[in-house]
Amino acid sequence: MSTPRHPRFALDTSLAHPVRFSLVAALATVESMVFADLRDELEVSDSVLSKQIAELEKAGFVKATKGFVGKRPRTTLSLTADGLRRWRNHLEALRRIAEPQK
């Protein structure tokens, strides 16, 4: 069997969900982001964001750091090095799909 050549085979299935895609896109442009800020930027509920973060943590994309500011809990999120590499590969595959064939 020949090796698949279509760029869709290079897409990362972890990013197929629109919220996960948007979450990784937001984190790819910053060093880290506080949960509440990310929730507000993506316009999702706490529960939706939590579920998608858990999926991305399990897939190795995202690292969540829990701490406190005063007595209030704060979760900060960032992409892992592998997550950033996979994000860039995913975007490159999308570009190759969208570009006209030469």
N, C-alpha and C. Protein backbone atom coordinates (compact mmCIF):
# COMPACT_ATOMS: atom_id res chain seq x y z
N MET A 1 0.85 -1.18 0.00
CA MET A 1 0.00 0.00 0.00
C MET A 1 0.89 1.24 0.00
N SER A 2 0.54 2.22 -0.80
CA SER A 2 1.36 3.43 -0.89
C SER A 2 1.10 4.35 0.30
N THR A 3 2.06 5.20 0.56
CA THR A 3 1.94 6.18 1.64
C THR A 3 0.94 7.25 1.22
N PRO A 4 -0.04 7.60 2.10
CA PRO A 4 -1.02 8.64 1.75
C PRO A 4 -0.32 9.98 1.47
N ARG A 5 -0.73 10.62 0.42
CA ARG A 5 -0.09 11.89 0.06
C ARG A 5 -0.97 13.10 0.32
N HIS A 6 -2.26 12.89 0.45
CA HIS A 6 -3.14 14.04 0.65
C HIS A 6 -2.84 14.65 2.02
N PRO A 7 -2.75 15.98 2.09
CA PRO A 7 -2.39 16.64 3.36
C PRO A 7 -3.39 16.43 4.49
N ARG A 8 -4.62 16.00 4.18
CA ARG A 8 -5.59 15.78 5.26
C ARG A 8 -5.11 14.72 6.23
N PHE A 9 -4.25 13.82 5.77
CA PHE A 9 -3.74 12.78 6.64
C PHE A 9 -2.78 13.33 7.69
N ALA A 10 -2.31 14.56 7.49
CA ALA A 10 -1.42 15.20 8.45
C ALA A 10 -2.18 16.02 9.49
N LEU A 11 -3.51 16.15 9.33
CA LEU A 11 -4.30 16.89 10.32
C LEU A 11 -4.31 16.13 11.64
N ASP A 12 -4.27 16.87 12.73
CA ASP A 12 -4.30 16.27 14.06
C ASP A 12 -5.75 16.14 14.52
N THR A 13 -6.20 14.93 14.72
CA THR A 13 -7.60 14.70 15.09
C THR A 13 -7.97 15.30 16.44
N SER A 14 -6.98 15.57 17.28
CA SER A 14 -7.26 16.22 18.57
C SER A 14 -7.82 17.63 18.36
N LEU A 15 -7.59 18.20 17.20
CA LEU A 15 -8.03 19.57 16.92
C LEU A 15 -9.28 19.63 16.07
N ALA A 16 -9.96 18.50 15.90
CA ALA A 16 -11.16 18.46 15.07
C ALA A 16 -12.34 19.21 15.70
N HIS A 17 -12.39 19.27 17.02
CA HIS A 17 -13.47 19.98 17.71
C HIS A 17 -13.21 21.48 17.64
N PRO A 18 -14.21 22.29 17.27
CA PRO A 18 -13.98 23.73 17.11
C PRO A 18 -13.49 24.44 18.37
N VAL A 19 -13.95 24.02 19.53
CA VAL A 19 -13.48 24.68 20.77
C VAL A 19 -12.03 24.32 21.03
N ARG A 20 -11.65 23.06 20.81
CA ARG A 20 -10.24 22.68 21.01
C ARG A 20 -9.35 23.41 20.01
N PHE A 21 -9.79 23.51 18.76
CA PHE A 21 -9.03 24.25 17.75
C PHE A 21 -8.85 25.70 18.20
N SER A 22 -9.93 26.34 18.63
CA SER A 22 -9.88 27.74 19.05
C SER A 22 -9.03 27.92 20.30
N LEU A 23 -9.11 26.98 21.21
CA LEU A 23 -8.34 27.03 22.45
C LEU A 23 -6.84 26.98 22.15
N VAL A 24 -6.43 26.05 21.31
CA VAL A 24 -5.02 25.93 20.97
C VAL A 24 -4.56 27.16 20.18
N ALA A 25 -5.40 27.67 19.29
CA ALA A 25 -5.06 28.88 18.54
C ALA A 25 -4.80 30.05 19.49
N ALA A 26 -5.64 30.19 20.50
CA ALA A 26 -5.47 31.28 21.46
C ALA A 26 -4.18 31.11 22.26
N LEU A 27 -3.89 29.89 22.69
CA LEU A 27 -2.69 29.66 23.50
C LEU A 27 -1.41 29.72 22.68
N ALA A 28 -1.50 29.51 21.38
CA ALA A 28 -0.30 29.52 20.53
C ALA A 28 0.30 30.91 20.39
N THR A 29 -0.46 31.93 20.73
CA THR A 29 0.02 33.31 20.56
C THR A 29 0.52 33.94 21.86
N VAL A 30 0.42 33.20 22.96
CA VAL A 30 0.84 33.73 24.26
C VAL A 30 1.65 32.68 25.01
N GLU A 31 2.36 33.14 26.04
CA GLU A 31 3.11 32.20 26.87
C GLU A 31 2.15 31.37 27.73
N SER A 32 1.14 32.05 28.29
CA SER A 32 0.12 31.38 29.11
C SER A 32 -1.10 32.28 29.19
N MET A 33 -2.20 31.68 29.63
CA MET A 33 -3.45 32.45 29.77
C MET A 33 -4.24 31.89 30.94
N VAL A 34 -4.85 32.79 31.68
CA VAL A 34 -5.69 32.42 32.82
C VAL A 34 -7.01 31.84 32.29
N PHE A 35 -7.49 30.79 32.94
CA PHE A 35 -8.71 30.09 32.56
C PHE A 35 -9.85 31.06 32.25
N ALA A 36 -10.13 31.99 33.16
CA ALA A 36 -11.27 32.91 32.99
C ALA A 36 -11.10 33.77 31.74
N ASP A 37 -9.89 34.21 31.45
CA ASP A 37 -9.65 35.02 30.25
C ASP A 37 -9.87 34.19 28.99
N LEU A 38 -9.40 32.96 29.02
CA LEU A 38 -9.58 32.07 27.88
C LEU A 38 -11.06 31.76 27.66
N ARG A 39 -11.77 31.49 28.76
CA ARG A 39 -13.22 31.24 28.68
C ARG A 39 -13.93 32.41 28.03
N ASP A 40 -13.59 33.62 28.47
CA ASP A 40 -14.25 34.81 27.93
C ASP A 40 -13.89 35.03 26.46
N GLU A 41 -12.63 34.80 26.11
CA GLU A 41 -12.21 34.98 24.72
C GLU A 41 -12.92 33.99 23.79
N LEU A 42 -13.07 32.76 24.25
CA LEU A 42 -13.70 31.73 23.41
C LEU A 42 -15.22 31.74 23.48
N GLU A 43 -15.77 32.49 24.44
CA GLU A 43 -17.21 32.62 24.62
C GLU A 43 -17.87 31.25 24.85
N VAL A 44 -17.32 30.53 25.85
CA VAL A 44 -17.86 29.23 26.24
C VAL A 44 -18.06 29.21 27.75
N SER A 45 -18.80 28.22 28.23
CA SER A 45 -19.02 28.07 29.66
C SER A 45 -17.80 27.43 30.32
N ASP A 46 -17.74 27.54 31.63
CA ASP A 46 -16.66 26.90 32.39
C ASP A 46 -16.61 25.40 32.11
N SER A 47 -17.78 24.77 32.10
CA SER A 47 -17.81 23.31 31.92
C SER A 47 -17.34 22.89 30.53
N VAL A 48 -17.73 23.63 29.50
CA VAL A 48 -17.28 23.31 28.14
C VAL A 48 -15.76 23.46 28.05
N LEU A 49 -15.25 24.57 28.59
CA LEU A 49 -13.80 24.80 28.53
C LEU A 49 -13.06 23.74 29.32
N SER A 50 -13.53 23.42 30.50
CA SER A 50 -12.88 22.39 31.33
C SER A 50 -12.80 21.06 30.62
N LYS A 51 -13.89 20.67 29.97
CA LYS A 51 -13.91 19.39 29.26
C LYS A 51 -12.90 19.38 28.13
N GLN A 52 -12.83 20.46 27.37
CA GLN A 52 -11.91 20.51 26.24
C GLN A 52 -10.45 20.61 26.69
N ILE A 53 -10.22 21.29 27.80
CA ILE A 53 -8.86 21.34 28.36
C ILE A 53 -8.43 19.94 28.77
N ALA A 54 -9.32 19.21 29.42
CA ALA A 54 -9.00 17.84 29.84
C ALA A 54 -8.63 16.97 28.65
N GLU A 55 -9.36 17.10 27.56
CA GLU A 55 -9.05 16.33 26.35
C GLU A 55 -7.67 16.71 25.79
N LEU A 56 -7.38 18.00 25.78
CA LEU A 56 -6.10 18.45 25.25
C LEU A 56 -4.94 18.11 26.18
N GLU A 57 -5.19 18.08 27.48
CA GLU A 57 -4.15 17.63 28.43
C GLU A 57 -3.84 16.15 28.18
N LYS A 58 -4.88 15.36 28.02
CA LYS A 58 -4.72 13.94 27.78
C LYS A 58 -3.95 13.69 26.48
N ALA A 59 -4.16 14.54 25.48
CA ALA A 59 -3.49 14.41 24.19
C ALA A 59 -2.09 15.01 24.20
N GLY A 60 -1.71 15.66 25.31
CA GLY A 60 -0.37 16.23 25.41
C GLY A 60 -0.20 17.61 24.82
N PHE A 61 -1.30 18.29 24.50
CA PHE A 61 -1.23 19.63 23.93
C PHE A 61 -1.05 20.72 24.97
N VAL A 62 -1.76 20.59 26.08
CA VAL A 62 -1.91 21.68 27.04
C VAL A 62 -1.41 21.27 28.41
N LYS A 63 -0.84 22.25 29.11
CA LYS A 63 -0.45 22.07 30.50
C LYS A 63 -1.26 23.07 31.33
N ALA A 64 -1.90 22.57 32.38
CA ALA A 64 -2.66 23.42 33.30
C ALA A 64 -1.89 23.51 34.61
N THR A 65 -1.70 24.75 35.08
CA THR A 65 -1.02 24.98 36.35
C THR A 65 -2.03 25.61 37.30
N LYS A 66 -2.24 24.96 38.44
CA LYS A 66 -3.21 25.46 39.42
C LYS A 66 -2.48 26.14 40.56
N GLY A 67 -3.02 27.26 40.99
CA GLY A 67 -2.43 28.00 42.10
C GLY A 67 -3.48 28.89 42.72
N PHE A 68 -3.03 29.82 43.52
CA PHE A 68 -3.94 30.73 44.20
C PHE A 68 -3.45 32.16 44.04
N VAL A 69 -4.39 33.07 43.95
CA VAL A 69 -4.13 34.50 44.04
C VAL A 69 -4.92 34.95 45.25
N GLY A 70 -4.20 35.20 46.33
CA GLY A 70 -4.87 35.39 47.61
C GLY A 70 -5.50 34.07 48.00
N LYS A 71 -6.80 34.10 48.25
CA LYS A 71 -7.51 32.86 48.61
C LYS A 71 -8.29 32.29 47.43
N ARG A 72 -8.17 32.95 46.28
CA ARG A 72 -8.94 32.51 45.11
C ARG A 72 -8.09 31.58 44.24
N PRO A 73 -8.66 30.45 43.85
CA PRO A 73 -7.93 29.54 42.97
C PRO A 73 -7.77 30.15 41.57
N ARG A 74 -6.66 29.84 40.94
CA ARG A 74 -6.42 30.33 39.58
C ARG A 74 -5.74 29.22 38.77
N THR A 75 -6.30 28.94 37.61
CA THR A 75 -5.72 27.97 36.69
C THR A 75 -5.14 28.72 35.50
N THR A 76 -3.88 28.46 35.23
CA THR A 76 -3.20 29.06 34.10
C THR A 76 -2.89 27.96 33.09
N LEU A 77 -3.11 28.25 31.83
CA LEU A 77 -2.94 27.27 30.77
C LEU A 77 -1.86 27.69 29.80
N SER A 78 -1.14 26.72 29.29
CA SER A 78 -0.13 26.98 28.27
C SER A 78 -0.03 25.75 27.37
N LEU A 79 0.51 25.97 26.18
CA LEU A 79 0.77 24.85 25.29
C LEU A 79 2.08 24.18 25.70
N THR A 80 2.14 22.89 25.54
CA THR A 80 3.40 22.19 25.73
C THR A 80 4.24 22.42 24.46
N ALA A 81 5.52 22.12 24.53
CA ALA A 81 6.38 22.24 23.34
C ALA A 81 5.86 21.33 22.24
N ASP A 82 5.45 20.12 22.61
CA ASP A 82 4.90 19.19 21.63
C ASP A 82 3.57 19.71 21.07
N GLY A 83 2.76 20.31 21.93
CA GLY A 83 1.49 20.88 21.49
C GLY A 83 1.69 21.99 20.47
N LEU A 84 2.68 22.84 20.70
CA LEU A 84 2.95 23.93 19.76
C LEU A 84 3.46 23.37 18.44
N ARG A 85 4.32 22.36 18.50
CA ARG A 85 4.81 21.72 17.27
C ARG A 85 3.66 21.10 16.48
N ARG A 86 2.79 20.38 17.17
CA ARG A 86 1.65 19.74 16.52
C ARG A 86 0.68 20.77 15.95
N TRP A 87 0.49 21.89 16.65
CA TRP A 87 -0.37 22.97 16.16
C TRP A 87 0.19 23.51 14.84
N ARG A 88 1.48 23.76 14.81
CA ARG A 88 2.10 24.29 13.59
C ARG A 88 1.98 23.30 12.43
N ASN A 89 2.16 22.01 12.72
CA ASN A 89 2.00 20.98 11.68
C ASN A 89 0.56 20.93 11.17
N HIS A 90 -0.39 21.07 12.09
CA HIS A 90 -1.81 21.07 11.71
C HIS A 90 -2.11 22.25 10.79
N LEU A 91 -1.62 23.44 11.15
CA LEU A 91 -1.84 24.62 10.32
C LEU A 91 -1.21 24.46 8.95
N GLU A 92 -0.03 23.88 8.91
CA GLU A 92 0.63 23.65 7.62
C GLU A 92 -0.19 22.69 6.76
N ALA A 93 -0.75 21.66 7.36
CA ALA A 93 -1.61 20.74 6.60
C ALA A 93 -2.85 21.47 6.07
N LEU A 94 -3.44 22.34 6.88
CA LEU A 94 -4.60 23.12 6.42
C LEU A 94 -4.22 24.01 5.24
N ARG A 95 -3.05 24.65 5.33
CA ARG A 95 -2.58 25.50 4.24
C ARG A 95 -2.41 24.69 2.94
N ARG A 96 -1.83 23.51 3.08
CA ARG A 96 -1.59 22.67 1.90
C ARG A 96 -2.92 22.21 1.29
N ILE A 97 -3.91 21.96 2.12
CA ILE A 97 -5.24 21.58 1.62
C ILE A 97 -5.88 22.76 0.89
N ALA A 98 -5.75 23.95 1.47
CA ALA A 98 -6.42 25.13 0.92
C ALA A 98 -5.73 25.71 -0.32
N GLU A 99 -4.44 25.47 -0.46
CA GLU A 99 -3.71 26.01 -1.61
C GLU A 99 -4.10 25.26 -2.89
N PRO A 100 -4.18 25.98 -3.97
CA PRO A 100 -4.46 25.29 -5.24
C PRO A 100 -3.29 24.36 -5.61
N GLN A 101 -3.63 23.23 -6.21
CA GLN A 101 -2.60 22.28 -6.65
C GLN A 101 -1.82 22.89 -7.82
N LYS A 102 -0.54 22.65 -7.83
CA LYS A 102 0.30 23.18 -8.92
C LYS A 102 0.71 22.09 -9.84
